[in-house]
Amino acid sequence: MSRTVFSLLQGACLLLLLSATQSADAEIPEPLSKLIRQTCLECHAGETAEGELDLASLPFTLDD
C-alpha cells in the first residue's frame, strides 16, 4: 500500500474515532462508512483485530 493511501486511511480512522467520542448517536457519513468497510474492517474487526483496533465494536454501525 502506498504511503499516501496509508496516510489517508489513518486520517479517516482518526476522524472516525474522534467523532465517536463526541456522541454515541452520531451517524457516520456514507462515503466514510463505505471507505472504512472496504479498506479497514478486513483487518480491524473481531477478536483478531490488528493493533487491537476493533472498528466493528464502535457504538455505530458500518453496515450497508
PDB file of N, CA and C in Angstrom:
ATOM      1  N   MET A   1       0.855  -1.163   0.000  1.00  0.00           N
ATOM      2  CA  MET A   1       0.000   0.000   0.000  1.00  0.00           C
ATOM      3  C   MET A   1       0.908   1.235   0.000  1.00  0.00           C
ATOM      4  N   SER A   2       0.573   2.211  -0.815  1.00  0.00           N
ATOM      5  CA  SER A   2       1.427   3.393  -0.889  1.00  0.00           C
ATOM      6  C   SER A   2       1.316   4.221   0.387  1.00  0.00           C
ATOM      7  N   ARG A   3       2.319   4.992   0.638  1.00  0.00           N
ATOM      8  CA  ARG A   3       2.372   5.827   1.845  1.00  0.00           C
ATOM      9  C   ARG A   3       1.203   6.821   1.867  1.00  0.00           C
ATOM     10  N   THR A   4       0.830   7.381   0.719  1.00  0.00           N
ATOM     11  CA  THR A   4      -0.262   8.348   0.648  1.00  0.00           C
ATOM     12  C   THR A   4      -1.591   7.703   1.018  1.00  0.00           C
ATOM     13  N   VAL A   5      -1.867   6.540   0.456  1.00  0.00           N
ATOM     14  CA  VAL A   5      -3.114   5.836   0.762  1.00  0.00           C
ATOM     15  C   VAL A   5      -3.151   5.473   2.240  1.00  0.00           C
ATOM     16  N   PHE A   6      -2.048   4.985   2.763  1.00  0.00           N
ATOM     17  CA  PHE A   6      -1.988   4.630   4.174  1.00  0.00           C
ATOM     18  C   PHE A   6      -2.253   5.854   5.045  1.00  0.00           C
ATOM     19  N   SER A   7      -1.684   6.994   4.703  1.00  0.00           N
ATOM     20  CA  SER A   7      -1.898   8.219   5.474  1.00  0.00           C
ATOM     21  C   SER A   7      -3.354   8.659   5.425  1.00  0.00           C
ATOM     22  N   LEU A   8      -3.974   8.549   4.256  1.00  0.00           N
ATOM     23  CA  LEU A   8      -5.387   8.908   4.136  1.00  0.00           C
ATOM     24  C   LEU A   8      -6.266   7.991   4.975  1.00  0.00           C
ATOM     25  N   LEU A   9      -5.982   6.708   4.954  1.00  0.00           N
ATOM     26  CA  LEU A   9      -6.755   5.764   5.753  1.00  0.00           C
ATOM     27  C   LEU A   9      -6.556   6.015   7.238  1.00  0.00           C
ATOM     28  N   GLN A  10      -5.344   6.329   7.622  1.00  0.00           N
ATOM     29  CA  GLN A  10      -5.065   6.640   9.019  1.00  0.00           C
ATOM     30  C   GLN A  10      -5.861   7.864   9.451  1.00  0.00           C
ATOM     31  N   GLY A  11      -5.889   8.878   8.614  1.00  0.00           N
ATOM     32  CA  GLY A  11      -6.645  10.092   8.920  1.00  0.00           C
ATOM     33  C   GLY A  11      -8.131   9.817   9.026  1.00  0.00           C
ATOM     34  N   ALA A  12      -8.656   8.993   8.121  1.00  0.00           N
ATOM     35  CA  ALA A  12     -10.078   8.653   8.163  1.00  0.00           C
ATOM     36  C   ALA A  12     -10.418   7.910   9.445  1.00  0.00           C
ATOM     37  N   CYS A  13      -9.560   6.995   9.850  1.00  0.00           N
ATOM     38  CA  CYS A  13      -9.790   6.256  11.093  1.00  0.00           C
ATOM     39  C   CYS A  13      -9.721   7.182  12.298  1.00  0.00           C
ATOM     40  N   LEU A  14      -8.798   8.124  12.290  1.00  0.00           N
ATOM     41  CA  LEU A  14      -8.693   9.078  13.387  1.00  0.00           C
ATOM     42  C   LEU A  14      -9.951   9.930  13.479  1.00  0.00           C
ATOM     43  N   LEU A  15     -10.437  10.413  12.336  1.00  0.00           N
ATOM     44  CA  LEU A  15     -11.674  11.192  12.341  1.00  0.00           C
ATOM     45  C   LEU A  15     -12.842  10.367  12.856  1.00  0.00           C
ATOM     46  N   LEU A  16     -12.883   9.129  12.474  1.00  0.00           N
ATOM     47  CA  LEU A  16     -13.931   8.231  12.938  1.00  0.00           C
ATOM     48  C   LEU A  16     -13.887   8.082  14.452  1.00  0.00           C
ATOM     49  N   LEU A  17     -12.720   7.860  14.989  1.00  0.00           N
ATOM     50  CA  LEU A  17     -12.582   7.697  16.434  1.00  0.00           C
ATOM     51  C   LEU A  17     -12.908   8.982  17.176  1.00  0.00           C
ATOM     52  N   LEU A  18     -12.504  10.118  16.646  1.00  0.00           N
ATOM     53  CA  LEU A  18     -12.817  11.395  17.281  1.00  0.00           C
ATOM     54  C   LEU A  18     -14.312  11.663  17.272  1.00  0.00           C
ATOM     55  N   SER A  19     -14.980  11.324  16.193  1.00  0.00           N
ATOM     56  CA  SER A  19     -16.421  11.539  16.132  1.00  0.00           C
ATOM     57  C   SER A  19     -17.147  10.609  17.093  1.00  0.00           C
ATOM     58  N   ALA A  20     -16.601   9.445  17.345  1.00  0.00           N
ATOM     59  CA  ALA A  20     -17.220   8.500  18.274  1.00  0.00           C
ATOM     60  C   ALA A  20     -17.150   9.014  19.703  1.00  0.00           C
ATOM     61  N   THR A  21     -16.140   9.793  20.027  1.00  0.00           N
ATOM     62  CA  THR A  21     -16.026  10.319  21.385  1.00  0.00           C
ATOM     63  C   THR A  21     -16.972  11.479  21.616  1.00  0.00           C
ATOM     64  N   GLN A  22     -17.447  12.120  20.564  1.00  0.00           N
ATOM     65  CA  GLN A  22     -18.339  13.257  20.711  1.00  0.00           C
ATOM     66  C   GLN A  22     -19.754  12.821  21.054  1.00  0.00           C
ATOM     67  N   SER A  23     -20.258  11.800  20.418  1.00  0.00           N
ATOM     68  CA  SER A  23     -21.635  11.371  20.641  1.00  0.00           C
ATOM     69  C   SER A  23     -21.810   9.941  20.154  1.00  0.00           C
ATOM     70  N   ALA A  24     -22.384   9.128  21.006  1.00  0.00           N
ATOM     71  CA  ALA A  24     -22.627   7.737  20.616  1.00  0.00           C
ATOM     72  C   ALA A  24     -23.723   7.649  19.563  1.00  0.00           C
ATOM     73  N   ASP A  25     -24.557   8.699  19.452  1.00  0.00           N
ATOM     74  CA  ASP A  25     -25.656   8.701  18.497  1.00  0.00           C
ATOM     75  C   ASP A  25     -25.262   9.290  17.144  1.00  0.00           C
ATOM     76  N   ALA A  26     -24.013   9.690  17.001  1.00  0.00           N
ATOM     77  CA  ALA A  26     -23.567  10.309  15.755  1.00  0.00           C
ATOM     78  C   ALA A  26     -23.632   9.309  14.610  1.00  0.00           C
ATOM     79  N   GLU A  27     -23.987   9.802  13.444  1.00  0.00           N
ATOM     80  CA  GLU A  27     -24.019   8.958  12.258  1.00  0.00           C
ATOM     81  C   GLU A  27     -22.791   9.242  11.417  1.00  0.00           C
ATOM     82  N   ILE A  28     -22.222   8.196  10.881  1.00  0.00           N
ATOM     83  CA  ILE A  28     -21.058   8.323  10.021  1.00  0.00           C
ATOM     84  C   ILE A  28     -21.552   8.609   8.604  1.00  0.00           C
ATOM     85  N   PRO A  29     -21.003   9.637   7.947  1.00  0.00           N
ATOM     86  CA  PRO A  29     -21.404   9.899   6.557  1.00  0.00           C
ATOM     87  C   PRO A  29     -21.147   8.666   5.690  1.00  0.00           C
ATOM     88  N   GLU A  30     -22.043   8.388   4.769  1.00  0.00           N
ATOM     89  CA  GLU A  30     -21.965   7.182   3.940  1.00  0.00           C
ATOM     90  C   GLU A  30     -20.635   7.039   3.203  1.00  0.00           C
ATOM     91  N   PRO A  31     -20.079   8.102   2.613  1.00  0.00           N
ATOM     92  CA  PRO A  31     -18.785   7.899   1.928  1.00  0.00           C
ATOM     93  C   PRO A  31     -17.687   7.406   2.874  1.00  0.00           C
ATOM     94  N   LEU A  32     -17.649   7.923   4.089  1.00  0.00           N
ATOM     95  CA  LEU A  32     -16.645   7.485   5.057  1.00  0.00           C
ATOM     96  C   LEU A  32     -16.939   6.065   5.526  1.00  0.00           C
ATOM     97  N   SER A  33     -18.201   5.773   5.763  1.00  0.00           N
ATOM     98  CA  SER A  33     -18.596   4.431   6.174  1.00  0.00           C
ATOM     99  C   SER A  33     -18.210   3.405   5.106  1.00  0.00           C
ATOM    100  N   LYS A  34     -18.458   3.739   3.851  1.00  0.00           N
ATOM    101  CA  LYS A  34     -18.118   2.834   2.747  1.00  0.00           C
ATOM    102  C   LYS A  34     -16.607   2.631   2.661  1.00  0.00           C
ATOM    103  N   LEU A  35     -15.837   3.707   2.810  1.00  0.00           N
ATOM    104  CA  LEU A  35     -14.381   3.611   2.769  1.00  0.00           C
ATOM    105  C   LEU A  35     -13.867   2.692   3.867  1.00  0.00           C
ATOM    106  N   ILE A  36     -14.399   2.838   5.060  1.00  0.00           N
ATOM    107  CA  ILE A  36     -13.964   2.015   6.194  1.00  0.00           C
ATOM    108  C   ILE A  36     -14.333   0.552   5.968  1.00  0.00           C
ATOM    109  N   ARG A  37     -15.553   0.301   5.483  1.00  0.00           N
ATOM    110  CA  ARG A  37     -15.966  -1.081   5.204  1.00  0.00           C
ATOM    111  C   ARG A  37     -15.049  -1.727   4.173  1.00  0.00           C
ATOM    112  N   GLN A  38     -14.697  -0.983   3.135  1.00  0.00           N
ATOM    113  CA  GLN A  38     -13.917  -1.549   2.032  1.00  0.00           C
ATOM    114  C   GLN A  38     -12.436  -1.701   2.358  1.00  0.00           C
ATOM    115  N   THR A  39     -11.898  -0.851   3.224  1.00  0.00           N
ATOM    116  CA  THR A  39     -10.451  -0.840   3.400  1.00  0.00           C
ATOM    117  C   THR A  39      -9.956  -1.150   4.805  1.00  0.00           C
ATOM    118  N   CYS A  40     -10.810  -1.069   5.812  1.00  0.00           N
ATOM    119  CA  CYS A  40     -10.321  -1.195   7.192  1.00  0.00           C
ATOM    120  C   CYS A  40     -10.840  -2.427   7.935  1.00  0.00           C
ATOM    121  N   LEU A  41     -12.107  -2.781   7.709  1.00  0.00           N
ATOM    122  CA  LEU A  41     -12.719  -3.829   8.521  1.00  0.00           C
ATOM    123  C   LEU A  41     -12.111  -5.209   8.315  1.00  0.00           C
ATOM    124  N   GLU A  42     -11.522  -5.459   7.167  1.00  0.00           N
ATOM    125  CA  GLU A  42     -10.926  -6.779   6.936  1.00  0.00           C
ATOM    126  C   GLU A  42      -9.862  -7.090   7.996  1.00  0.00           C
ATOM    127  N   CYS A  43      -9.109  -6.089   8.386  1.00  0.00           N
ATOM    128  CA  CYS A  43      -8.028  -6.293   9.366  1.00  0.00           C
ATOM    129  C   CYS A  43      -8.364  -5.762  10.758  1.00  0.00           C
ATOM    130  N   HIS A  44      -9.327  -4.860  10.858  1.00  0.00           N
ATOM    131  CA  HIS A  44      -9.613  -4.207  12.139  1.00  0.00           C
ATOM    132  C   HIS A  44     -11.032  -4.499  12.614  1.00  0.00           C
ATOM    133  N   ALA A  45     -11.363  -5.779  12.707  1.00  0.00           N
ATOM    134  CA  ALA A  45     -12.667  -6.190  13.219  1.00  0.00           C
ATOM    135  C   ALA A  45     -12.531  -7.553  13.875  1.00  0.00           C
ATOM    136  N   GLY A  46     -13.258  -7.735  14.951  1.00  0.00           N
ATOM    137  CA  GLY A  46     -13.272  -9.024  15.628  1.00  0.00           C
ATOM    138  C   GLY A  46     -12.167  -9.192  16.652  1.00  0.00           C
ATOM    139  N   GLU A  47     -12.063 -10.409  17.153  1.00  0.00           N
ATOM    140  CA  GLU A  47     -11.109 -10.712  18.222  1.00  0.00           C
ATOM    141  C   GLU A  47      -9.654 -10.628  17.775  1.00  0.00           C
ATOM    142  N   THR A  48      -9.403 -10.776  16.482  1.00  0.00           N
ATOM    143  CA  THR A  48      -8.022 -10.754  15.985  1.00  0.00           C
ATOM    144  C   THR A  48      -7.692  -9.432  15.289  1.00  0.00           C
ATOM    145  N   ALA A  49      -8.362  -8.358  15.665  1.00  0.00           N
ATOM    146  CA  ALA A  49      -8.144  -7.056  15.035  1.00  0.00           C
ATOM    147  C   ALA A  49      -6.697  -6.612  15.196  1.00  0.00           C
ATOM    148  N   GLU A  50      -6.099  -6.193  14.096  1.00  0.00           N
ATOM    149  CA  GLU A  50      -4.710  -5.737  14.130  1.00  0.00           C
ATOM    150  C   GLU A  50      -4.588  -4.487  14.995  1.00  0.00           C
ATOM    151  N   GLY A  51      -3.507  -4.405  15.740  1.00  0.00           N
ATOM    152  CA  GLY A  51      -3.263  -3.251  16.590  1.00  0.00           C
ATOM    153  C   GLY A  51      -4.290  -3.085  17.690  1.00  0.00           C
ATOM    154  N   GLU A  52      -5.040  -4.145  17.955  1.00  0.00           N
ATOM    155  CA  GLU A  52      -6.115  -4.124  18.947  1.00  0.00           C
ATOM    156  C   GLU A  52      -7.121  -3.010  18.667  1.00  0.00           C
ATOM    157  N   LEU A  53      -7.292  -2.644  17.392  1.00  0.00           N
ATOM    158  CA  LEU A  53      -8.258  -1.639  16.968  1.00  0.00           C
ATOM    159  C   LEU A  53      -9.417  -2.356  16.293  1.00  0.00           C
ATOM    160  N   ASP A  54     -10.496  -2.556  17.040  1.00  0.00           N
ATOM    161  CA  ASP A  54     -11.673  -3.254  16.535  1.00  0.00           C
ATOM    162  C   ASP A  54     -12.728  -2.224  16.153  1.00  0.00           C
ATOM    163  N   LEU A  55     -12.749  -1.838  14.884  1.00  0.00           N
ATOM    164  CA  LEU A  55     -13.697  -0.832  14.419  1.00  0.00           C
ATOM    165  C   LEU A  55     -15.132  -1.341  14.458  1.00  0.00           C
ATOM    166  N   ALA A  56     -15.317  -2.638  14.415  1.00  0.00           N
ATOM    167  CA  ALA A  56     -16.663  -3.204  14.450  1.00  0.00           C
ATOM    168  C   ALA A  56     -17.298  -3.063  15.827  1.00  0.00           C
ATOM    169  N   SER A  57     -16.504  -2.795  16.856  1.00  0.00           N
ATOM    170  CA  SER A  57     -17.055  -2.692  18.210  1.00  0.00           C
ATOM    171  C   SER A  57     -17.458  -1.268  18.580  1.00  0.00           C
ATOM    172  N   LEU A  58     -17.307  -0.324  17.667  1.00  0.00           N
ATOM    173  CA  LEU A  58     -17.682   1.060  17.953  1.00  0.00           C
ATOM    174  C   LEU A  58     -19.204   1.182  18.052  1.00  0.00           C
ATOM    175  N   PRO A  59     -19.702   2.235  18.728  1.00  0.00           N
ATOM    176  CA  PRO A  59     -21.137   2.335  19.026  1.00  0.00           C
ATOM    177  C   PRO A  59     -22.018   2.751  17.856  1.00  0.00           C
ATOM    178  N   PHE A  60     -21.611   2.511  16.632  1.00  0.00           N
ATOM    179  CA  PHE A  60     -22.446   2.779  15.475  1.00  0.00           C
ATOM    180  C   PHE A  60     -22.184   1.705  14.447  1.00  0.00           C
ATOM    181  N   THR A  61     -23.078   1.574  13.500  1.00  0.00           N
ATOM    182  CA  THR A  61     -22.933   0.511  12.515  1.00  0.00           C
ATOM    183  C   THR A  61     -22.291   1.045  11.244  1.00  0.00           C
ATOM    184  N   LEU A  62     -21.577   0.180  10.583  1.00  0.00           N
ATOM    185  CA  LEU A  62     -20.962   0.498   9.302  1.00  0.00           C
ATOM    186  C   LEU A  62     -21.566  -0.363   8.206  1.00  0.00           C
ATOM    187  N   ASP A  63     -22.762  -0.895   8.464  1.00  0.00           N
ATOM    188  CA  ASP A  63     -23.425  -1.768   7.503  1.00  0.00           C
ATOM    189  C   ASP A  63     -23.928  -0.970   6.317  1.00  0.00           C
ATOM    190  N   ASP A  64     -24.171  -1.691   5.205  1.00  0.00           N
ATOM    191  CA  ASP A  64     -24.740  -1.051   4.006  1.00  0.00           C
ATOM    192  C   ASP A  64     -26.117  -0.528   4.308  1.00  0.00           C
TER     193      ASP A  64
END
